[in-house]
Amino acid sequence: MSGFHDYLSTPAANVSLGGINVAEACPPGNLNNAIRQLMADGRALADEVAAIDPGMPASGGAFTGDITRSGRGGYLNHASSALPDGRVYVLPEGSALPNGGEGVLVFFYT
């Protein structure tokens, strides 16, 4: 079975669809079969996309277990929900400390 990953981005280069000849002057019945194959490929793609875990919901979710990271960025969390502030500052070395409550993180760089 073919899939959308088998198709090329140049339309003229796609001369078969799931092994069905769709090149110029192909038998007319091949077009019916190719459309059916394309529909099956689209359904398989839709099933695959629906199975992808969407990750953390916009509200009401909670991280559990170990949180790992690779590449750029990071995860910020406080060990206590009693910390009223969660702002993060990245400031040049020698800058005054920003105003804020418990939970403010300040990183100084040189």
N, C-alpha and C. Protein backbone atom coordinates (compact mmCIF):
# COMPACT_ATOMS: atom_id res chain seq x y z
N MET A 1 0.85 -1.19 0.00
CA MET A 1 0.00 0.00 0.00
C MET A 1 0.89 1.24 0.00
N SER A 2 0.45 2.23 -0.71
CA SER A 2 1.20 3.48 -0.76
C SER A 2 0.71 4.41 0.34
N GLY A 3 1.28 5.56 0.38
CA GLY A 3 0.86 6.58 1.33
C GLY A 3 1.30 7.93 0.82
N PHE A 4 0.85 8.97 1.47
CA PHE A 4 1.19 10.31 1.01
C PHE A 4 2.69 10.55 1.04
N HIS A 5 3.40 9.82 1.90
CA HIS A 5 4.85 9.98 1.96
C HIS A 5 5.53 9.47 0.68
N ASP A 6 4.82 8.67 -0.12
CA ASP A 6 5.39 8.14 -1.36
C ASP A 6 5.25 9.12 -2.53
N TYR A 7 4.42 10.12 -2.39
CA TYR A 7 4.17 11.03 -3.50
C TYR A 7 5.25 12.10 -3.56
N LEU A 8 5.48 12.61 -4.75
CA LEU A 8 6.49 13.65 -4.95
C LEU A 8 5.81 15.02 -5.02
N SER A 9 6.57 16.07 -4.72
CA SER A 9 5.98 17.42 -4.75
C SER A 9 5.86 17.97 -6.16
N THR A 10 6.46 17.30 -7.15
CA THR A 10 6.32 17.70 -8.55
C THR A 10 5.19 16.87 -9.16
N PRO A 11 4.05 17.48 -9.50
CA PRO A 11 2.90 16.71 -9.99
C PRO A 11 3.21 15.77 -11.15
N ALA A 12 3.97 16.25 -12.14
CA ALA A 12 4.25 15.43 -13.32
C ALA A 12 5.07 14.18 -12.99
N ALA A 13 5.76 14.19 -11.86
CA ALA A 13 6.59 13.05 -11.48
C ALA A 13 5.78 11.92 -10.85
N ASN A 14 4.54 12.20 -10.48
CA ASN A 14 3.68 11.18 -9.89
C ASN A 14 2.94 10.43 -10.99
N VAL A 15 3.55 9.33 -11.45
CA VAL A 15 2.97 8.58 -12.57
C VAL A 15 2.35 7.27 -12.11
N SER A 16 2.44 6.98 -10.83
CA SER A 16 1.73 5.82 -10.31
C SER A 16 1.24 6.14 -8.91
N LEU A 17 0.14 5.50 -8.56
CA LEU A 17 -0.48 5.74 -7.26
C LEU A 17 -0.78 4.38 -6.67
N GLY A 18 -0.01 3.98 -5.66
CA GLY A 18 -0.21 2.65 -5.08
C GLY A 18 0.02 1.54 -6.09
N GLY A 19 0.96 1.75 -7.00
CA GLY A 19 1.25 0.75 -8.03
C GLY A 19 0.31 0.80 -9.22
N ILE A 20 -0.63 1.73 -9.23
CA ILE A 20 -1.58 1.87 -10.34
C ILE A 20 -1.03 2.91 -11.31
N ASN A 21 -0.90 2.54 -12.57
CA ASN A 21 -0.37 3.44 -13.59
C ASN A 21 -1.35 4.58 -13.84
N VAL A 22 -0.90 5.81 -13.61
CA VAL A 22 -1.73 6.99 -13.91
C VAL A 22 -1.00 7.93 -14.86
N ALA A 23 -0.01 7.40 -15.58
CA ALA A 23 0.75 8.21 -16.54
C ALA A 23 -0.16 8.54 -17.72
N GLU A 24 0.31 9.44 -18.58
CA GLU A 24 -0.46 9.82 -19.77
C GLU A 24 -0.83 8.57 -20.55
N ALA A 25 -2.03 8.53 -21.09
CA ALA A 25 -2.56 7.43 -21.92
C ALA A 25 -2.73 6.12 -21.14
N CYS A 26 -2.89 6.20 -19.82
CA CYS A 26 -3.15 4.98 -19.04
C CYS A 26 -4.57 4.50 -19.33
N PRO A 27 -4.87 3.24 -19.04
CA PRO A 27 -6.23 2.75 -19.25
C PRO A 27 -7.23 3.54 -18.40
N PRO A 28 -8.42 3.86 -18.92
CA PRO A 28 -9.39 4.65 -18.19
C PRO A 28 -9.77 4.07 -16.83
N GLY A 29 -9.84 2.75 -16.71
CA GLY A 29 -10.18 2.12 -15.44
C GLY A 29 -9.15 2.40 -14.34
N ASN A 30 -7.92 2.69 -14.75
CA ASN A 30 -6.88 2.98 -13.76
C ASN A 30 -7.20 4.25 -12.98
N LEU A 31 -7.86 5.19 -13.61
CA LEU A 31 -8.18 6.45 -12.91
C LEU A 31 -9.18 6.20 -11.79
N ASN A 32 -10.17 5.35 -12.02
CA ASN A 32 -11.11 4.99 -10.96
C ASN A 32 -10.38 4.33 -9.79
N ASN A 33 -9.53 3.37 -10.13
CA ASN A 33 -8.79 2.65 -9.10
C ASN A 33 -7.82 3.59 -8.36
N ALA A 34 -7.22 4.52 -9.09
CA ALA A 34 -6.28 5.46 -8.48
C ALA A 34 -7.01 6.38 -7.50
N ILE A 35 -8.21 6.82 -7.87
CA ILE A 35 -8.99 7.67 -6.97
C ILE A 35 -9.35 6.90 -5.71
N ARG A 36 -9.73 5.65 -5.87
CA ARG A 36 -10.04 4.82 -4.69
C ARG A 36 -8.80 4.64 -3.80
N GLN A 37 -7.64 4.43 -4.44
CA GLN A 37 -6.39 4.29 -3.68
C GLN A 37 -6.06 5.58 -2.96
N LEU A 38 -6.25 6.71 -3.62
CA LEU A 38 -5.97 8.01 -3.00
C LEU A 38 -6.88 8.22 -1.80
N MET A 39 -8.13 7.83 -1.91
CA MET A 39 -9.06 7.93 -0.79
C MET A 39 -8.61 7.04 0.37
N ALA A 40 -8.16 5.84 0.08
CA ALA A 40 -7.68 4.94 1.12
C ALA A 40 -6.43 5.51 1.79
N ASP A 41 -5.54 6.10 0.98
CA ASP A 41 -4.33 6.72 1.54
C ASP A 41 -4.70 7.90 2.44
N GLY A 42 -5.68 8.69 2.01
CA GLY A 42 -6.14 9.82 2.82
C GLY A 42 -6.73 9.35 4.14
N ARG A 43 -7.48 8.26 4.12
CA ARG A 43 -8.06 7.73 5.36
C ARG A 43 -6.96 7.22 6.30
N ALA A 44 -5.97 6.54 5.73
CA ALA A 44 -4.86 6.04 6.54
C ALA A 44 -4.10 7.20 7.18
N LEU A 45 -3.92 8.28 6.43
CA LEU A 45 -3.25 9.46 6.98
C LEU A 45 -4.09 10.08 8.09
N ALA A 46 -5.40 10.18 7.90
CA ALA A 46 -6.28 10.75 8.92
C ALA A 46 -6.24 9.91 10.19
N ASP A 47 -6.21 8.58 10.05
CA ASP A 47 -6.12 7.71 11.22
C ASP A 47 -4.80 7.91 11.95
N GLU A 48 -3.73 8.08 11.19
CA GLU A 48 -2.41 8.27 11.79
C GLU A 48 -2.33 9.60 12.53
N VAL A 49 -2.86 10.66 11.94
CA VAL A 49 -2.85 11.97 12.58
C VAL A 49 -3.71 11.95 13.84
N ALA A 50 -4.85 11.30 13.80
CA ALA A 50 -5.73 11.24 14.97
C ALA A 50 -5.08 10.48 16.11
N ALA A 51 -4.16 9.57 15.80
CA ALA A 51 -3.51 8.76 16.84
C ALA A 51 -2.35 9.49 17.51
N ILE A 52 -1.95 10.65 16.99
CA ILE A 52 -0.83 11.39 17.58
C ILE A 52 -1.29 12.02 18.88
N ASP A 53 -0.49 11.83 19.92
CA ASP A 53 -0.80 12.40 21.24
C ASP A 53 -0.70 13.92 21.14
N PRO A 54 -1.77 14.65 21.46
CA PRO A 54 -1.72 16.11 21.32
C PRO A 54 -0.90 16.79 22.40
N GLY A 55 -0.43 16.07 23.41
CA GLY A 55 0.37 16.69 24.45
C GLY A 55 -0.48 17.27 25.56
N MET A 56 0.04 18.25 26.23
CA MET A 56 -0.63 18.87 27.38
C MET A 56 -1.84 19.68 26.90
N PRO A 57 -3.00 19.47 27.50
CA PRO A 57 -4.17 20.28 27.13
C PRO A 57 -3.99 21.72 27.58
N ALA A 58 -4.74 22.63 26.97
CA ALA A 58 -4.63 24.05 27.29
C ALA A 58 -4.99 24.34 28.74
N SER A 59 -5.87 23.55 29.30
CA SER A 59 -6.21 23.75 30.72
C SER A 59 -6.59 22.41 31.32
N GLY A 60 -6.39 22.30 32.62
CA GLY A 60 -6.81 21.11 33.32
C GLY A 60 -5.84 19.95 33.28
N GLY A 61 -4.67 20.12 32.67
CA GLY A 61 -3.72 19.03 32.58
C GLY A 61 -2.69 19.09 33.69
N ALA A 62 -1.94 18.02 33.82
CA ALA A 62 -0.86 17.98 34.80
C ALA A 62 0.25 17.10 34.27
N PHE A 63 1.49 17.56 34.43
CA PHE A 63 2.64 16.75 34.08
C PHE A 63 2.86 15.72 35.17
N THR A 64 3.16 14.51 34.79
CA THR A 64 3.50 13.47 35.75
C THR A 64 4.75 12.77 35.26
N GLY A 65 5.45 12.13 36.18
CA GLY A 65 6.66 11.41 35.79
C GLY A 65 7.81 12.37 35.51
N ASP A 66 8.84 11.84 34.87
CA ASP A 66 10.02 12.64 34.56
C ASP A 66 9.75 13.50 33.33
N ILE A 67 10.19 14.73 33.38
CA ILE A 67 10.09 15.62 32.23
C ILE A 67 11.48 15.76 31.66
N THR A 68 11.65 15.38 30.41
CA THR A 68 12.95 15.47 29.77
C THR A 68 12.88 16.46 28.63
N ARG A 69 14.01 16.94 28.23
CA ARG A 69 14.08 17.95 27.19
C ARG A 69 15.30 17.69 26.34
N SER A 70 15.21 18.01 25.07
CA SER A 70 16.38 17.98 24.20
C SER A 70 16.31 19.20 23.31
N GLY A 71 17.45 19.70 22.92
CA GLY A 71 17.49 20.88 22.08
C GLY A 71 17.30 22.14 22.88
N ARG A 72 16.78 23.16 22.24
CA ARG A 72 16.61 24.45 22.88
C ARG A 72 15.37 24.49 23.75
N GLY A 73 15.34 25.49 24.64
CA GLY A 73 14.17 25.69 25.47
C GLY A 73 14.26 24.89 26.75
N GLY A 74 13.24 24.94 27.51
CA GLY A 74 13.24 24.21 28.76
C GLY A 74 11.87 24.24 29.39
N TYR A 75 11.76 23.60 30.49
CA TYR A 75 10.51 23.55 31.23
C TYR A 75 10.71 24.24 32.56
N LEU A 76 9.79 25.07 32.96
CA LEU A 76 9.87 25.79 34.22
C LEU A 76 8.70 25.35 35.08
N ASN A 77 8.99 24.95 36.27
CA ASN A 77 7.92 24.67 37.20
C ASN A 77 8.43 24.92 38.61
N HIS A 78 7.54 25.23 39.50
CA HIS A 78 7.87 25.43 40.90
C HIS A 78 7.43 24.21 41.68
N ALA A 79 8.21 23.88 42.70
CA ALA A 79 7.89 22.71 43.50
C ALA A 79 6.69 22.95 44.40
N SER A 80 6.32 24.20 44.58
CA SER A 80 5.22 24.51 45.48
C SER A 80 4.25 25.48 44.81
N SER A 81 2.98 25.16 44.86
CA SER A 81 1.98 26.08 44.31
C SER A 81 1.81 27.30 45.21
N ALA A 82 2.45 27.30 46.37
CA ALA A 82 2.36 28.45 47.28
C ALA A 82 3.22 29.62 46.80
N LEU A 83 4.10 29.38 45.83
CA LEU A 83 4.93 30.47 45.31
C LEU A 83 4.05 31.35 44.42
N PRO A 84 3.84 32.61 44.78
CA PRO A 84 2.87 33.44 44.09
C PRO A 84 3.33 33.98 42.73
N ASP A 85 4.62 33.97 42.47
CA ASP A 85 5.13 34.58 41.25
C ASP A 85 5.89 33.53 40.45
N GLY A 86 5.93 33.66 39.17
CA GLY A 86 6.65 32.70 38.35
C GLY A 86 7.41 33.35 37.22
N ARG A 87 7.64 34.66 37.35
CA ARG A 87 8.34 35.36 36.27
C ARG A 87 9.81 34.95 36.23
N VAL A 88 10.38 35.01 35.03
CA VAL A 88 11.79 34.70 34.83
C VAL A 88 12.45 35.92 34.20
N TYR A 89 13.57 36.34 34.79
CA TYR A 89 14.32 37.48 34.27
C TYR A 89 15.70 37.01 33.85
N VAL A 90 16.17 37.51 32.72
CA VAL A 90 17.54 37.30 32.27
C VAL A 90 18.13 38.69 32.12
N LEU A 91 19.08 39.02 32.99
CA LEU A 91 19.58 40.39 33.09
C LEU A 91 21.10 40.43 32.98
N PRO A 92 21.64 41.56 32.51
CA PRO A 92 23.10 41.70 32.49
C PRO A 92 23.64 41.73 33.92
N GLU A 93 24.82 41.18 34.10
CA GLU A 93 25.44 41.15 35.41
C GLU A 93 25.54 42.57 35.96
N GLY A 94 25.24 42.72 37.25
CA GLY A 94 25.30 44.02 37.90
C GLY A 94 23.96 44.75 37.93
N SER A 95 22.95 44.20 37.26
CA SER A 95 21.63 44.82 37.27
C SER A 95 21.00 44.67 38.65
N ALA A 96 20.12 45.60 38.96
CA ALA A 96 19.38 45.52 40.22
C ALA A 96 18.39 44.37 40.14
N LEU A 97 18.12 43.77 41.28
CA LEU A 97 17.13 42.71 41.33
C LEU A 97 15.74 43.27 41.03
N PRO A 98 14.96 42.58 40.24
CA PRO A 98 13.61 43.05 39.94
C PRO A 98 12.71 42.87 41.15
N ASN A 99 11.66 43.66 41.19
CA ASN A 99 10.66 43.48 42.24
C ASN A 99 9.81 42.26 41.90
N GLY A 100 9.44 41.55 42.91
CA GLY A 100 8.59 40.39 42.68
C GLY A 100 8.50 39.56 43.94
N GLY A 101 7.54 38.70 43.95
CA GLY A 101 7.32 37.85 45.11
C GLY A 101 8.15 36.58 45.03
N GLU A 102 7.90 35.69 45.96
CA GLU A 102 8.59 34.42 45.96
C GLU A 102 8.28 33.67 44.67
N GLY A 103 9.28 33.04 44.12
CA GLY A 103 9.10 32.27 42.90
C GLY A 103 9.71 32.94 41.68
N VAL A 104 10.15 34.20 41.82
CA VAL A 104 10.81 34.88 40.70
C VAL A 104 12.18 34.26 40.49
N LEU A 105 12.52 33.96 39.24
CA LEU A 105 13.84 33.44 38.90
C LEU A 105 14.61 34.51 38.17
N VAL A 106 15.86 34.73 38.58
CA VAL A 106 16.69 35.74 37.96
C VAL A 106 17.99 35.08 37.50
N PHE A 107 18.31 35.24 36.24
CA PHE A 107 19.57 34.76 35.68
C PHE A 107 20.37 35.97 35.24
N PHE A 108 21.63 36.03 35.66
CA PHE A 108 22.51 37.12 35.26
C PHE A 108 23.50 36.57 34.24
N TYR A 109 23.79 37.35 33.20
CA TYR A 109 24.78 36.96 32.22
C TYR A 109 25.85 38.03 32.14
N THR A 110 27.01 37.61 31.63
CA THR A 110 28.13 38.55 31.46
C THR A 110 28.38 38.83 30.02
